[in-house]
C-alpha atoms as a PDB file:
ATOM      1  CA  GLN A   1       0.001  -0.006  -0.009  1.00  0.00           C
ATOM      2  CA  VAL A   2       1.085   3.527  -0.702  1.00  0.00           C
ATOM      3  CA  GLN A   3      -0.405   6.538   1.130  1.00  0.00           C
ATOM      4  CA  LEU A   4      -0.188   9.916  -0.610  1.00  0.00           C
ATOM      5  CA  VAL A   5      -0.763  13.228   1.098  1.00  0.00           C
ATOM      6  CA  GLU A   6      -1.064  16.405  -1.014  1.00  0.00           C
ATOM      7  CA  SER A   7      -0.676  19.912   0.222  1.00  0.00           C
ATOM      8  CA  GLY A   8      -0.036  23.394  -1.170  1.00  0.00           C
ATOM      9  CA  GLY A   9      -3.307  24.217  -2.896  1.00  0.00           C
ATOM     10  CA  GLY A  10      -5.129  27.468  -2.395  1.00  0.00           C
ATOM     11  CA  LEU A  11      -6.443  30.684  -4.037  1.00  0.00           C
ATOM     12  CA  VAL A  12      -4.095  32.577  -6.329  1.00  0.00           C
ATOM     13  CA  GLN A  13      -4.602  35.367  -8.901  1.00  0.00           C
ATOM     14  CA  ALA A  14      -4.095  34.720 -12.574  1.00  0.00           C
ATOM     15  CA  GLY A  15      -0.423  34.976 -13.409  1.00  0.00           C
ATOM     16  CA  GLY A  16       0.610  33.850  -9.984  1.00  0.00           C
ATOM     17  CA  SER A  17       2.413  30.707  -8.773  1.00  0.00           C
ATOM     18  CA  LEU A  18       1.776  27.775  -6.417  1.00  0.00           C
ATOM     19  CA  ARG A  19       3.757  24.758  -5.417  1.00  0.00           C
ATOM     20  CA  LEU A  20       1.957  21.498  -4.723  1.00  0.00           C
ATOM     21  CA  SER A  21       3.591  18.751  -2.638  1.00  0.00           C
ATOM     22  CA  CYS A  22       2.822  15.095  -2.423  1.00  0.00           C
ATOM     23  CA  ALA A  23       4.364  13.058   0.315  1.00  0.00           C
ATOM     24  CA  ALA A  24       4.511   9.287  -0.187  1.00  0.00           C
ATOM     25  CA  SER A  25       4.556   6.708   2.597  1.00  0.00           C
ATOM     26  CA  VAL A  26       7.281   4.640   0.789  1.00  0.00           C
ATOM     27  CA  SER A  27      10.449   5.331  -1.014  1.00  0.00           C
ATOM     28  CA  ILE A  28       9.601   7.084  -4.266  1.00  0.00           C
ATOM     29  CA  PHE A  29      12.273   5.077  -6.004  1.00  0.00           C
ATOM     30  CA  SER A  30      10.063   1.988  -5.415  1.00  0.00           C
ATOM     31  CA  ILE A  31       7.280   3.711  -7.323  1.00  0.00           C
ATOM     32  CA  SER A  32       7.378   3.292 -11.108  1.00  0.00           C
ATOM     33  CA  THR A  33       5.666   6.579 -11.961  1.00  0.00           C
ATOM     34  CA  MET A  34       4.287   9.436  -9.895  1.00  0.00           C
ATOM     35  CA  GLY A  35       2.098  12.009 -11.338  1.00  0.00           C
ATOM     36  CA  TRP A  36      -0.259  14.859 -10.912  1.00  0.00           C
ATOM     37  CA  TYR A  37      -3.785  14.780 -12.272  1.00  0.00           C
ATOM     38  CA  ARG A  38      -6.555  17.432 -12.063  1.00  0.00           C
ATOM     39  CA  GLN A  39     -10.324  17.412 -12.242  1.00  0.00           C
ATOM     40  CA  ALA A  40     -12.276  20.558 -12.897  1.00  0.00           C
ATOM     41  CA  PRO A  41     -16.078  20.738 -12.120  1.00  0.00           C
ATOM     42  CA  GLY A  42     -18.051  18.794 -14.721  1.00  0.00           C
ATOM     43  CA  LYS A  43     -14.936  17.490 -16.459  1.00  0.00           C
ATOM     44  CA  GLN A  44     -13.034  14.272 -16.462  1.00  0.00           C
ATOM     45  CA  ARG A  45      -9.795  13.858 -14.526  1.00  0.00           C
ATOM     46  CA  GLU A  46      -6.890  14.620 -16.737  1.00  0.00           C
ATOM     47  CA  LEU A  47      -3.122  14.059 -16.602  1.00  0.00           C
ATOM     48  CA  VAL A  48      -1.029  17.069 -15.813  1.00  0.00           C
ATOM     49  CA  ALA A  49       2.573  15.729 -15.341  1.00  0.00           C
ATOM     50  CA  THR A  50       4.370  12.638 -14.506  1.00  0.00           C
ATOM     51  CA  ILE A  51       7.909  11.660 -13.316  1.00  0.00           C
ATOM     52  CA  THR A  52       9.305   8.148 -13.472  1.00  0.00           C
ATOM     53  CA  SER A  53      11.621   6.449 -10.986  1.00  0.00           C
ATOM     54  CA  GLY A  54      14.387   7.145 -13.531  1.00  0.00           C
ATOM     55  CA  GLY A  55      13.591  10.808 -13.506  1.00  0.00           C
ATOM     56  CA  SER A  56      11.889  11.155 -16.904  1.00  0.00           C
ATOM     57  CA  THR A  57       9.159  13.718 -17.007  1.00  0.00           C
ATOM     58  CA  ASP A  58       6.140  14.324 -19.223  1.00  0.00           C
ATOM     59  CA  TYR A  59       3.581  17.098 -19.355  1.00  0.00           C
ATOM     60  CA  ALA A  60       0.159  17.822 -20.728  1.00  0.00           C
ATOM     61  CA  ASP A  61       0.408  20.286 -23.669  1.00  0.00           C
ATOM     62  CA  SER A  62      -1.788  22.730 -21.778  1.00  0.00           C
ATOM     63  CA  VAL A  63       0.855  23.185 -18.990  1.00  0.00           C
ATOM     64  CA  LYS A  64       4.147  22.802 -20.873  1.00  0.00           C
ATOM     65  CA  GLY A  65       6.463  25.674 -20.098  1.00  0.00           C
ATOM     66  CA  ARG A  66       4.379  26.715 -17.109  1.00  0.00           C
ATOM     67  CA  PHE A  67       4.399  23.726 -14.756  1.00  0.00           C
ATOM     68  CA  SER A  68       7.367  21.691 -13.534  1.00  0.00           C
ATOM     69  CA  ILE A  69       7.352  18.335 -11.714  1.00  0.00           C
ATOM     70  CA  SER A  70      10.231  17.381  -9.541  1.00  0.00           C
ATOM     71  CA  ARG A  71      11.066  15.144  -6.541  1.00  0.00           C
ATOM     72  CA  ASN A  72      13.008  15.003  -3.340  1.00  0.00           C
ATOM     73  CA  SER A  73      13.964  11.439  -2.765  1.00  0.00           C
ATOM     74  CA  ALA A  74      15.186  12.089   0.766  1.00  0.00           C
ATOM     75  CA  GLU A  75      11.754  13.254   1.771  1.00  0.00           C
ATOM     76  CA  ASN A  76       9.815  10.839  -0.533  1.00  0.00           C
ATOM     77  CA  THR A  77       8.018  13.915  -1.953  1.00  0.00           C
ATOM     78  CA  VAL A  78       7.068  14.944  -5.405  1.00  0.00           C
ATOM     79  CA  TYR A  79       6.333  18.570  -6.225  1.00  0.00           C
ATOM     80  CA  LEU A  80       4.402  20.429  -8.870  1.00  0.00           C
ATOM     81  CA  GLN A  81       5.572  23.956  -9.378  1.00  0.00           C
ATOM     82  CA  MET A  82       2.911  25.922 -11.205  1.00  0.00           C
ATOM     83  CA  SER A  83       3.599  29.328 -12.687  1.00  0.00           C
ATOM     84  CA  SER A  84       1.725  31.773 -14.946  1.00  0.00           C
ATOM     85  CA  LEU A  85      -1.458  30.268 -13.656  1.00  0.00           C
ATOM     86  CA  LYS A  86      -4.660  30.696 -15.595  1.00  0.00           C
ATOM     87  CA  ALA A  87      -8.294  30.577 -14.645  1.00  0.00           C
ATOM     88  CA  GLU A  88      -8.601  27.295 -16.589  1.00  0.00           C
ATOM     89  CA  ASP A  89      -6.085  25.735 -14.233  1.00  0.00           C
ATOM     90  CA  THR A  90      -8.706  25.798 -11.472  1.00  0.00           C
ATOM     91  CA  ALA A  91      -9.321  22.241 -10.370  1.00  0.00           C
ATOM     92  CA  VAL A  92      -8.823  19.685  -7.649  1.00  0.00           C
ATOM     93  CA  TYR A  93      -5.318  18.374  -8.107  1.00  0.00           C
ATOM     94  CA  TYR A  94      -4.602  14.732  -7.251  1.00  0.00           C
ATOM     95  CA  CYS A  95      -1.306  12.928  -6.729  1.00  0.00           C
ATOM     96  CA  ASN A  96      -0.996   9.476  -8.184  1.00  0.00           C
ATOM     97  CA  ALA A  97       1.477   6.685  -7.724  1.00  0.00           C
ATOM     98  CA  LYS A  98       1.807   3.607 -10.007  1.00  0.00           C
ATOM     99  CA  LYS A  99       3.711   0.761  -8.303  1.00  0.00           C
ATOM    100  CA  TRP A 100       4.807  -2.557  -9.676  1.00  0.00           C
ATOM    101  CA  TYR A 101       3.941  -5.553  -7.578  1.00  0.00           C
ATOM    102  CA  GLY A 102       5.391  -8.376  -9.659  1.00  0.00           C
ATOM    103  CA  LEU A 103       2.222  -9.377 -11.485  1.00  0.00           C
ATOM    104  CA  GLY A 104       1.125  -5.915 -12.469  1.00  0.00           C
ATOM    105  CA  TYR A 105       0.841  -2.281 -11.543  1.00  0.00           C
ATOM    106  CA  GLN A 106      -1.365  -0.908  -8.803  1.00  0.00           C
ATOM    107  CA  GLY A 107      -2.367   2.701  -8.637  1.00  0.00           C
ATOM    108  CA  PHE A 108      -2.837   4.877  -5.592  1.00  0.00           C
ATOM    109  CA  TRP A 109      -4.433   8.301  -5.203  1.00  0.00           C
ATOM    110  CA  GLY A 110      -4.220  11.077  -2.692  1.00  0.00           C
ATOM    111  CA  GLN A 111      -7.218  12.926  -1.319  1.00  0.00           C
ATOM    112  CA  GLY A 112      -6.683  15.942  -3.631  1.00  0.00           C
ATOM    113  CA  THR A 113      -5.961  19.612  -3.042  1.00  0.00           C
ATOM    114  CA  GLN A 114      -8.026  22.477  -4.464  1.00  0.00           C
ATOM    115  CA  VAL A 115      -6.414  25.072  -6.662  1.00  0.00           C
ATOM    116  CA  THR A 116      -8.432  28.091  -7.508  1.00  0.00           C
ATOM    117  CA  VAL A 117      -7.191  30.756  -9.905  1.00  0.00           C
ATOM    118  CA  SER A 118      -9.096  34.060  -9.936  1.00  0.00           C
ATOM    119  CA  SER A 119      -9.107  36.071 -13.129  1.00  0.00           C
END
């Protein structure tokens, strides 16, 4: 089992910045991929950014150049630095971990943190 605890959400004006944190209960090197997803009201949950155990990153086109995913292995924490925020970035942001258990991957979710960008 992997427990994930997000923090760092809040209210920010358009153009501002926020940093989200996701603390994992296990070593993040034991997790194949960690990522951030978001879900706006009335919309499906969508991928924002991912980082693999090897350090490779990937981003949704809508956040490229504005968001950055990183990790601190000593603290088993993954971060999402969000800059130049737009109203359309408003959503609940969820941390996800995908861990290999020998026969397949299992996914885990955090409880989510609200990000609200005022225009």
